[in-house]
């Protein structure tokens, strides 16, 4: 999961009650579908995007599976969607809990230079989704880098 650190970074998550947050505001169907596929206990990497440096800064765990994102129903929210209804919500979120803040962020350059990560979706040119699946192998390799 990617987020800009000045909008919602790992510092915010670390200060959140229970170090847990609802990952709301995702408004891309493919990213939404990736969240809908997440299961309780799945590991999630926290990536700081649009930042200096670009890096994986920690790991989280899914603590609540996908449910309707309430911001889609709130006309005062920047994530309001007038086409969404409680009977037919368009957008979902999951809840995640901080598992580990990495002592040293794993820089994008390090990811790109690491054998076994060549096919990682995050590293593909033009990849802009805020929620991207990774393989178990990619998870292990990245954790070996910390």
N, C-alpha and C. Protein backbone atom coordinates (compact mmCIF):
# COMPACT_ATOMS: atom_id res chain seq x y z
N UNK A 1 0.85 -1.17 0.00
CA UNK A 1 0.00 0.00 0.00
C UNK A 1 0.90 1.22 0.00
N UNK A 2 0.57 2.17 -0.88
CA UNK A 2 1.35 3.39 -1.01
C UNK A 2 0.57 4.57 -0.44
N UNK A 3 1.31 5.47 0.18
CA UNK A 3 0.73 6.70 0.67
C UNK A 3 1.81 7.76 0.73
N UNK A 4 1.41 8.99 0.55
CA UNK A 4 2.35 10.10 0.66
C UNK A 4 2.54 10.40 2.15
N UNK A 5 3.78 10.48 2.61
CA UNK A 5 4.02 10.63 4.05
C UNK A 5 3.45 11.92 4.64
N UNK A 6 3.30 12.96 3.83
CA UNK A 6 2.72 14.20 4.39
C UNK A 6 1.20 14.12 4.47
N UNK A 7 0.59 13.18 3.75
CA UNK A 7 -0.86 12.97 3.81
C UNK A 7 -1.19 11.94 4.90
N UNK A 8 -0.60 10.75 4.78
CA UNK A 8 -0.71 9.72 5.80
C UNK A 8 0.50 8.82 5.68
N UNK A 9 1.46 9.05 6.55
CA UNK A 9 2.69 8.27 6.54
C UNK A 9 2.76 7.31 7.70
N UNK A 10 3.87 6.63 7.77
CA UNK A 10 4.04 5.65 8.85
C UNK A 10 4.04 6.33 10.21
N UNK A 11 4.47 7.60 10.29
CA UNK A 11 4.39 8.32 11.56
C UNK A 11 2.94 8.45 12.02
N UNK A 12 2.03 8.74 11.08
CA UNK A 12 0.61 8.84 11.41
C UNK A 12 0.09 7.50 11.93
N UNK A 13 0.45 6.44 11.22
CA UNK A 13 -0.03 5.11 11.62
C UNK A 13 0.51 4.73 12.99
N UNK A 14 1.75 5.08 13.25
CA UNK A 14 2.35 4.75 14.54
C UNK A 14 1.62 5.45 15.70
N UNK A 15 1.10 6.65 15.43
CA UNK A 15 0.39 7.42 16.46
C UNK A 15 -1.10 7.10 16.54
N UNK A 16 -1.63 6.37 15.57
CA UNK A 16 -3.06 6.04 15.55
C UNK A 16 -3.41 5.11 16.71
N UNK A 17 -4.63 5.22 17.24
CA UNK A 17 -5.05 4.31 18.31
C UNK A 17 -4.87 2.85 17.89
N UNK A 18 -4.15 2.10 18.70
CA UNK A 18 -3.90 0.70 18.39
C UNK A 18 -2.99 0.51 17.19
N UNK A 19 -2.36 1.61 16.74
CA UNK A 19 -1.50 1.59 15.52
C UNK A 19 -2.27 0.97 14.34
N UNK A 20 -3.57 1.30 14.29
CA UNK A 20 -4.49 0.73 13.30
C UNK A 20 -5.21 1.85 12.58
N UNK A 21 -5.47 1.63 11.28
CA UNK A 21 -6.24 2.60 10.51
C UNK A 21 -7.10 1.89 9.47
N UNK A 22 -8.17 2.56 9.09
CA UNK A 22 -8.97 2.14 7.93
C UNK A 22 -8.32 2.79 6.72
N UNK A 23 -7.97 2.01 5.71
CA UNK A 23 -7.28 2.51 4.52
C UNK A 23 -8.33 3.04 3.55
N UNK A 24 -8.81 4.25 3.84
CA UNK A 24 -9.94 4.80 3.08
C UNK A 24 -9.47 5.68 1.92
N UNK A 25 -10.43 6.08 1.12
CA UNK A 25 -10.16 7.04 0.05
C UNK A 25 -9.62 6.45 -1.23
N UNK A 26 -9.50 5.15 -1.35
CA UNK A 26 -9.01 4.54 -2.59
C UNK A 26 -10.11 4.66 -3.63
N UNK A 27 -9.79 5.32 -4.74
CA UNK A 27 -10.79 5.56 -5.78
C UNK A 27 -10.29 5.11 -7.15
N UNK A 28 -9.75 3.93 -7.19
CA UNK A 28 -9.34 3.27 -8.42
C UNK A 28 -9.88 1.85 -8.31
N UNK A 29 -10.60 1.40 -9.34
CA UNK A 29 -11.26 0.10 -9.27
C UNK A 29 -10.28 -1.05 -9.10
N UNK A 30 -9.14 -0.99 -9.78
CA UNK A 30 -8.17 -2.08 -9.67
C UNK A 30 -7.58 -2.12 -8.25
N UNK A 31 -7.23 -0.97 -7.70
CA UNK A 31 -6.70 -0.91 -6.33
C UNK A 31 -7.77 -1.40 -5.35
N UNK A 32 -9.01 -0.97 -5.57
CA UNK A 32 -10.12 -1.43 -4.71
C UNK A 32 -10.24 -2.95 -4.76
N UNK A 33 -10.15 -3.52 -5.95
CA UNK A 33 -10.27 -4.97 -6.09
C UNK A 33 -9.12 -5.69 -5.38
N UNK A 34 -7.93 -5.09 -5.40
CA UNK A 34 -6.81 -5.68 -4.67
C UNK A 34 -7.12 -5.70 -3.17
N UNK A 35 -7.73 -4.63 -2.67
CA UNK A 35 -8.10 -4.61 -1.25
C UNK A 35 -9.18 -5.64 -0.95
N UNK A 36 -10.13 -5.77 -1.86
CA UNK A 36 -11.21 -6.75 -1.64
C UNK A 36 -10.68 -8.18 -1.59
N UNK A 37 -9.52 -8.40 -2.21
CA UNK A 37 -8.91 -9.73 -2.22
C UNK A 37 -8.09 -10.00 -0.95
N UNK A 38 -7.83 -8.98 -0.16
CA UNK A 38 -7.03 -9.15 1.06
C UNK A 38 -7.82 -9.94 2.10
N UNK A 39 -7.08 -10.74 2.86
CA UNK A 39 -7.69 -11.56 3.89
C UNK A 39 -7.07 -11.24 5.25
N UNK A 40 -7.84 -11.50 6.28
CA UNK A 40 -7.41 -11.29 7.65
C UNK A 40 -6.04 -11.94 7.86
N UNK A 41 -5.10 -11.18 8.38
CA UNK A 41 -3.76 -11.70 8.66
C UNK A 41 -2.77 -11.52 7.53
N UNK A 42 -3.24 -11.09 6.35
CA UNK A 42 -2.30 -10.86 5.24
C UNK A 42 -1.30 -9.77 5.61
N UNK A 43 -0.07 -9.96 5.20
CA UNK A 43 0.96 -8.95 5.38
C UNK A 43 0.87 -7.90 4.30
N UNK A 44 1.20 -6.67 4.67
CA UNK A 44 1.13 -5.53 3.74
C UNK A 44 2.37 -4.69 3.95
N UNK A 45 3.02 -4.30 2.87
CA UNK A 45 4.14 -3.37 2.96
C UNK A 45 3.62 -1.94 2.90
N UNK A 46 4.22 -1.05 3.66
CA UNK A 46 3.87 0.37 3.67
C UNK A 46 4.96 1.09 2.88
N UNK A 47 4.55 1.70 1.76
CA UNK A 47 5.48 2.38 0.86
C UNK A 47 5.18 3.87 0.84
N UNK A 48 6.20 4.68 1.10
CA UNK A 48 6.05 6.13 0.99
C UNK A 48 6.26 6.53 -0.46
N UNK A 49 5.21 7.06 -1.07
CA UNK A 49 5.26 7.50 -2.46
C UNK A 49 5.31 9.02 -2.50
N UNK A 50 5.67 9.54 -3.66
CA UNK A 50 5.74 11.00 -3.86
C UNK A 50 6.51 11.63 -2.70
N UNK A 51 7.65 11.02 -2.38
CA UNK A 51 8.44 11.44 -1.22
C UNK A 51 9.92 11.36 -1.58
N UNK A 52 10.71 11.92 -0.72
CA UNK A 52 12.15 11.82 -0.87
C UNK A 52 12.72 11.33 0.45
N UNK A 53 13.09 10.07 0.54
CA UNK A 53 13.21 9.11 -0.56
C UNK A 53 11.93 8.28 -0.74
N UNK A 54 11.79 7.69 -1.92
CA UNK A 54 10.76 6.69 -2.17
C UNK A 54 11.24 5.41 -1.50
N UNK A 55 10.40 4.82 -0.65
CA UNK A 55 10.90 3.66 0.09
C UNK A 55 9.78 2.87 0.76
N UNK A 56 10.06 1.59 0.99
CA UNK A 56 9.23 0.77 1.85
C UNK A 56 9.69 1.09 3.27
N UNK A 57 8.76 1.52 4.11
CA UNK A 57 9.13 2.00 5.43
C UNK A 57 8.66 1.10 6.58
N UNK A 58 7.86 0.11 6.25
CA UNK A 58 7.39 -0.78 7.30
C UNK A 58 6.44 -1.83 6.76
N UNK A 59 5.94 -2.64 7.69
CA UNK A 59 4.97 -3.66 7.30
C UNK A 59 3.76 -3.57 8.23
N UNK A 60 2.64 -3.98 7.68
CA UNK A 60 1.36 -3.95 8.38
C UNK A 60 0.71 -5.31 8.22
N UNK A 61 -0.37 -5.50 8.94
CA UNK A 61 -1.16 -6.72 8.80
C UNK A 61 -2.62 -6.32 8.65
N UNK A 62 -3.35 -7.05 7.81
CA UNK A 62 -4.79 -6.80 7.64
C UNK A 62 -5.50 -7.30 8.89
N UNK A 63 -6.19 -6.37 9.57
CA UNK A 63 -6.90 -6.73 10.80
C UNK A 63 -8.42 -6.70 10.63
N UNK A 64 -8.88 -6.22 9.48
CA UNK A 64 -10.30 -6.30 9.15
C UNK A 64 -10.41 -6.34 7.63
N UNK A 65 -11.13 -7.33 7.13
CA UNK A 65 -11.28 -7.48 5.68
C UNK A 65 -12.16 -6.38 5.10
N UNK A 66 -12.21 -6.32 3.79
CA UNK A 66 -12.87 -5.25 3.06
C UNK A 66 -14.34 -5.07 3.45
N UNK A 67 -14.69 -3.79 3.59
CA UNK A 67 -16.08 -3.40 3.81
C UNK A 67 -16.28 -2.03 3.17
N UNK A 68 -17.52 -1.58 3.09
CA UNK A 68 -17.83 -0.33 2.40
C UNK A 68 -17.10 0.85 3.05
N UNK A 69 -16.42 1.63 2.24
CA UNK A 69 -15.73 2.84 2.69
C UNK A 69 -16.79 3.89 2.99
N UNK A 70 -16.96 4.29 4.26
CA UNK A 70 -18.02 5.25 4.60
C UNK A 70 -17.81 6.64 4.00
N UNK A 71 -16.61 6.98 3.61
CA UNK A 71 -16.38 8.32 3.04
C UNK A 71 -17.11 8.51 1.72
N UNK A 72 -17.45 7.42 1.04
CA UNK A 72 -18.16 7.54 -0.24
C UNK A 72 -19.58 8.08 -0.06
N UNK A 73 -20.13 7.95 1.15
CA UNK A 73 -21.50 8.40 1.41
C UNK A 73 -21.57 9.79 2.05
N UNK A 74 -20.42 10.37 2.39
CA UNK A 74 -20.37 11.64 3.11
C UNK A 74 -20.17 12.80 2.14
N UNK A 75 -21.20 13.61 1.91
CA UNK A 75 -21.08 14.70 0.95
C UNK A 75 -20.02 15.74 1.33
N UNK A 76 -19.60 15.76 2.58
CA UNK A 76 -18.55 16.69 3.00
C UNK A 76 -17.15 16.12 2.83
N UNK A 77 -17.05 14.86 2.43
CA UNK A 77 -15.76 14.21 2.27
C UNK A 77 -15.21 14.44 0.86
N UNK A 78 -13.90 14.61 0.73
CA UNK A 78 -13.32 14.70 -0.62
C UNK A 78 -13.46 13.38 -1.38
N UNK A 79 -13.81 12.30 -0.69
CA UNK A 79 -13.97 10.98 -1.31
C UNK A 79 -15.43 10.63 -1.57
N UNK A 80 -16.33 11.59 -1.42
CA UNK A 80 -17.75 11.38 -1.66
C UNK A 80 -17.97 10.91 -3.10
N UNK A 81 -18.87 9.95 -3.26
CA UNK A 81 -19.24 9.46 -4.59
C UNK A 81 -20.77 9.46 -4.67
N UNK A 82 -21.35 10.40 -5.42
CA UNK A 82 -22.82 10.51 -5.48
C UNK A 82 -23.49 9.28 -6.09
N UNK A 83 -22.74 8.44 -6.81
CA UNK A 83 -23.32 7.24 -7.41
C UNK A 83 -23.35 6.06 -6.44
N UNK A 84 -22.65 6.18 -5.33
CA UNK A 84 -22.60 5.09 -4.35
C UNK A 84 -23.80 5.17 -3.42
N UNK A 85 -24.34 4.02 -3.08
CA UNK A 85 -25.44 3.95 -2.12
C UNK A 85 -25.09 2.87 -1.09
N UNK A 86 -25.69 2.95 0.10
CA UNK A 86 -25.42 1.89 1.09
C UNK A 86 -25.78 0.50 0.58
N UNK A 87 -26.81 0.41 -0.26
CA UNK A 87 -27.20 -0.89 -0.82
C UNK A 87 -26.24 -1.35 -1.92
N UNK A 88 -25.62 -0.39 -2.60
CA UNK A 88 -24.67 -0.71 -3.67
C UNK A 88 -23.44 0.18 -3.56
N UNK A 89 -22.60 -0.09 -2.53
CA UNK A 89 -21.39 0.70 -2.39
C UNK A 89 -20.42 0.41 -3.54
N UNK A 90 -19.70 1.44 -3.94
CA UNK A 90 -18.73 1.28 -5.03
C UNK A 90 -17.32 1.08 -4.50
N UNK A 91 -17.06 1.57 -3.30
CA UNK A 91 -15.69 1.63 -2.78
C UNK A 91 -15.57 0.88 -1.47
N UNK A 92 -14.44 0.24 -1.30
CA UNK A 92 -14.18 -0.56 -0.11
C UNK A 92 -12.89 -0.09 0.55
N UNK A 93 -12.71 -0.54 1.78
CA UNK A 93 -11.45 -0.31 2.49
C UNK A 93 -11.17 -1.53 3.34
N UNK A 94 -9.94 -1.64 3.80
CA UNK A 94 -9.56 -2.64 4.78
C UNK A 94 -8.95 -1.89 5.96
N UNK A 95 -8.89 -2.57 7.10
CA UNK A 95 -8.18 -2.00 8.23
C UNK A 95 -6.85 -2.72 8.36
N UNK A 96 -5.82 -1.93 8.63
CA UNK A 96 -4.48 -2.47 8.79
C UNK A 96 -3.88 -1.97 10.10
N UNK A 97 -3.00 -2.79 10.66
CA UNK A 97 -2.30 -2.46 11.89
C UNK A 97 -0.80 -2.53 11.63
N UNK A 98 -0.10 -1.52 12.13
CA UNK A 98 1.35 -1.49 11.99
C UNK A 98 1.95 -2.70 12.69
N UNK A 99 2.75 -3.43 11.98
CA UNK A 99 3.42 -4.60 12.53
C UNK A 99 4.87 -4.25 12.85
N UNK A 100 5.53 -3.56 11.91
CA UNK A 100 6.94 -3.25 12.07
C UNK A 100 7.30 -1.99 11.30
N UNK A 101 7.92 -1.06 11.99
CA UNK A 101 8.52 0.09 11.33
C UNK A 101 9.97 -0.29 11.07
N UNK A 102 10.40 -0.19 9.82
CA UNK A 102 11.76 -0.59 9.50
C UNK A 102 12.75 0.42 10.05
N UNK A 103 13.82 -0.07 10.66
CA UNK A 103 14.85 0.82 11.22
C UNK A 103 15.48 1.65 10.10
N UNK A 104 15.64 1.03 8.95
CA UNK A 104 16.14 1.74 7.77
C UNK A 104 15.16 1.48 6.63
N UNK A 105 14.61 2.53 6.01
CA UNK A 105 13.71 2.30 4.88
C UNK A 105 14.43 1.54 3.76
N UNK A 106 13.67 0.73 3.04
CA UNK A 106 14.22 0.03 1.87
C UNK A 106 13.93 0.91 0.66
N UNK A 107 14.98 1.56 0.18
CA UNK A 107 14.84 2.53 -0.90
C UNK A 107 14.41 1.89 -2.21
N UNK A 108 13.69 2.66 -3.01
CA UNK A 108 13.26 2.18 -4.33
C UNK A 108 14.45 1.72 -5.16
N UNK A 109 15.56 2.46 -5.08
CA UNK A 109 16.77 2.09 -5.83
C UNK A 109 17.28 0.72 -5.39
N UNK A 110 17.18 0.44 -4.10
CA UNK A 110 17.60 -0.86 -3.58
C UNK A 110 16.68 -1.95 -4.11
N UNK A 111 15.38 -1.68 -4.10
CA UNK A 111 14.43 -2.65 -4.64
C UNK A 111 14.75 -2.96 -6.10
N UNK A 112 14.98 -1.92 -6.88
CA UNK A 112 15.24 -2.08 -8.31
C UNK A 112 16.52 -2.85 -8.59
N UNK A 113 17.47 -2.79 -7.68
CA UNK A 113 18.76 -3.45 -7.89
C UNK A 113 18.82 -4.85 -7.26
N UNK A 114 17.75 -5.28 -6.63
CA UNK A 114 17.75 -6.55 -5.89
C UNK A 114 17.25 -7.70 -6.76
N UNK A 115 18.07 -8.73 -6.91
CA UNK A 115 17.64 -9.91 -7.66
C UNK A 115 16.38 -10.52 -7.03
N UNK A 116 15.47 -10.92 -7.89
CA UNK A 116 14.22 -11.50 -7.45
C UNK A 116 13.07 -10.51 -7.43
N UNK A 117 13.39 -9.21 -7.55
CA UNK A 117 12.34 -8.20 -7.55
C UNK A 117 12.14 -7.56 -8.93
N UNK A 118 12.78 -8.11 -9.93
CA UNK A 118 12.72 -7.53 -11.28
C UNK A 118 11.30 -7.40 -11.81
N UNK A 119 10.41 -8.30 -11.44
CA UNK A 119 9.03 -8.29 -11.95
C UNK A 119 8.05 -7.63 -10.99
N UNK A 120 8.54 -7.05 -9.92
CA UNK A 120 7.66 -6.45 -8.93
C UNK A 120 6.85 -5.32 -9.56
N UNK A 121 5.54 -5.39 -9.39
CA UNK A 121 4.63 -4.41 -10.00
C UNK A 121 5.00 -2.98 -9.59
N UNK A 122 5.40 -2.78 -8.36
CA UNK A 122 5.76 -1.45 -7.87
C UNK A 122 6.85 -0.80 -8.72
N UNK A 123 7.74 -1.61 -9.27
CA UNK A 123 8.89 -1.09 -10.01
C UNK A 123 8.61 -0.90 -11.50
N UNK A 124 7.45 -1.31 -11.94
CA UNK A 124 7.12 -1.15 -13.37
C UNK A 124 6.92 0.31 -13.71
N UNK A 125 7.43 0.69 -14.85
CA UNK A 125 7.28 2.07 -15.32
C UNK A 125 5.80 2.39 -15.47
N UNK A 126 5.38 3.51 -14.90
CA UNK A 126 3.99 3.93 -15.01
C UNK A 126 3.06 3.31 -13.98
N UNK A 127 3.58 2.47 -13.09
CA UNK A 127 2.74 1.85 -12.06
C UNK A 127 2.37 2.91 -11.04
N UNK A 128 1.08 3.22 -10.96
CA UNK A 128 0.64 4.30 -10.08
C UNK A 128 -0.43 3.87 -9.07
N UNK A 129 -0.78 2.60 -9.09
CA UNK A 129 -1.83 2.14 -8.16
C UNK A 129 -1.37 2.29 -6.71
N UNK A 130 -2.30 2.65 -5.85
CA UNK A 130 -1.98 2.82 -4.43
C UNK A 130 -2.01 1.50 -3.67
N UNK A 131 -2.59 0.47 -4.26
CA UNK A 131 -2.63 -0.86 -3.65
C UNK A 131 -2.21 -1.85 -4.73
N UNK A 132 -1.11 -2.54 -4.48
CA UNK A 132 -0.52 -3.45 -5.46
C UNK A 132 -0.21 -4.78 -4.78
N UNK A 133 -0.58 -5.89 -5.38
CA UNK A 133 -0.23 -7.17 -4.77
C UNK A 133 1.27 -7.46 -4.92
N UNK A 134 1.81 -8.19 -3.95
CA UNK A 134 3.18 -8.69 -4.07
C UNK A 134 3.15 -10.18 -3.82
N UNK A 135 4.18 -10.85 -4.28
CA UNK A 135 4.27 -12.30 -4.09
C UNK A 135 4.90 -12.60 -2.73
N UNK A 136 4.73 -13.84 -2.28
CA UNK A 136 5.38 -14.25 -1.03
C UNK A 136 6.90 -14.13 -1.16
N UNK A 137 7.41 -14.45 -2.33
CA UNK A 137 8.85 -14.35 -2.56
C UNK A 137 9.32 -12.90 -2.44
N UNK A 138 8.57 -11.96 -3.03
CA UNK A 138 8.93 -10.54 -2.93
C UNK A 138 8.89 -10.09 -1.47
N UNK A 139 7.89 -10.54 -0.72
CA UNK A 139 7.76 -10.21 0.71
C UNK A 139 9.03 -10.65 1.45
N UNK A 140 9.43 -11.91 1.24
CA UNK A 140 10.60 -12.44 1.93
C UNK A 140 11.88 -11.69 1.55
N UNK A 141 12.04 -11.42 0.26
CA UNK A 141 13.25 -10.72 -0.20
C UNK A 141 13.33 -9.34 0.45
N UNK A 142 12.22 -8.62 0.47
CA UNK A 142 12.22 -7.26 1.04
C UNK A 142 12.51 -7.34 2.54
N UNK A 143 11.94 -8.29 3.23
CA UNK A 143 12.23 -8.43 4.67
C UNK A 143 13.68 -8.85 4.92
N UNK A 144 14.28 -9.53 3.98
CA UNK A 144 15.71 -9.88 4.11
C UNK A 144 16.60 -8.64 3.95
N UNK A 145 16.06 -7.59 3.32
CA UNK A 145 16.83 -6.36 3.11
C UNK A 145 16.86 -5.45 4.33
N UNK A 146 15.97 -5.68 5.29
CA UNK A 146 15.91 -4.76 6.45
C UNK A 146 16.89 -5.16 7.55
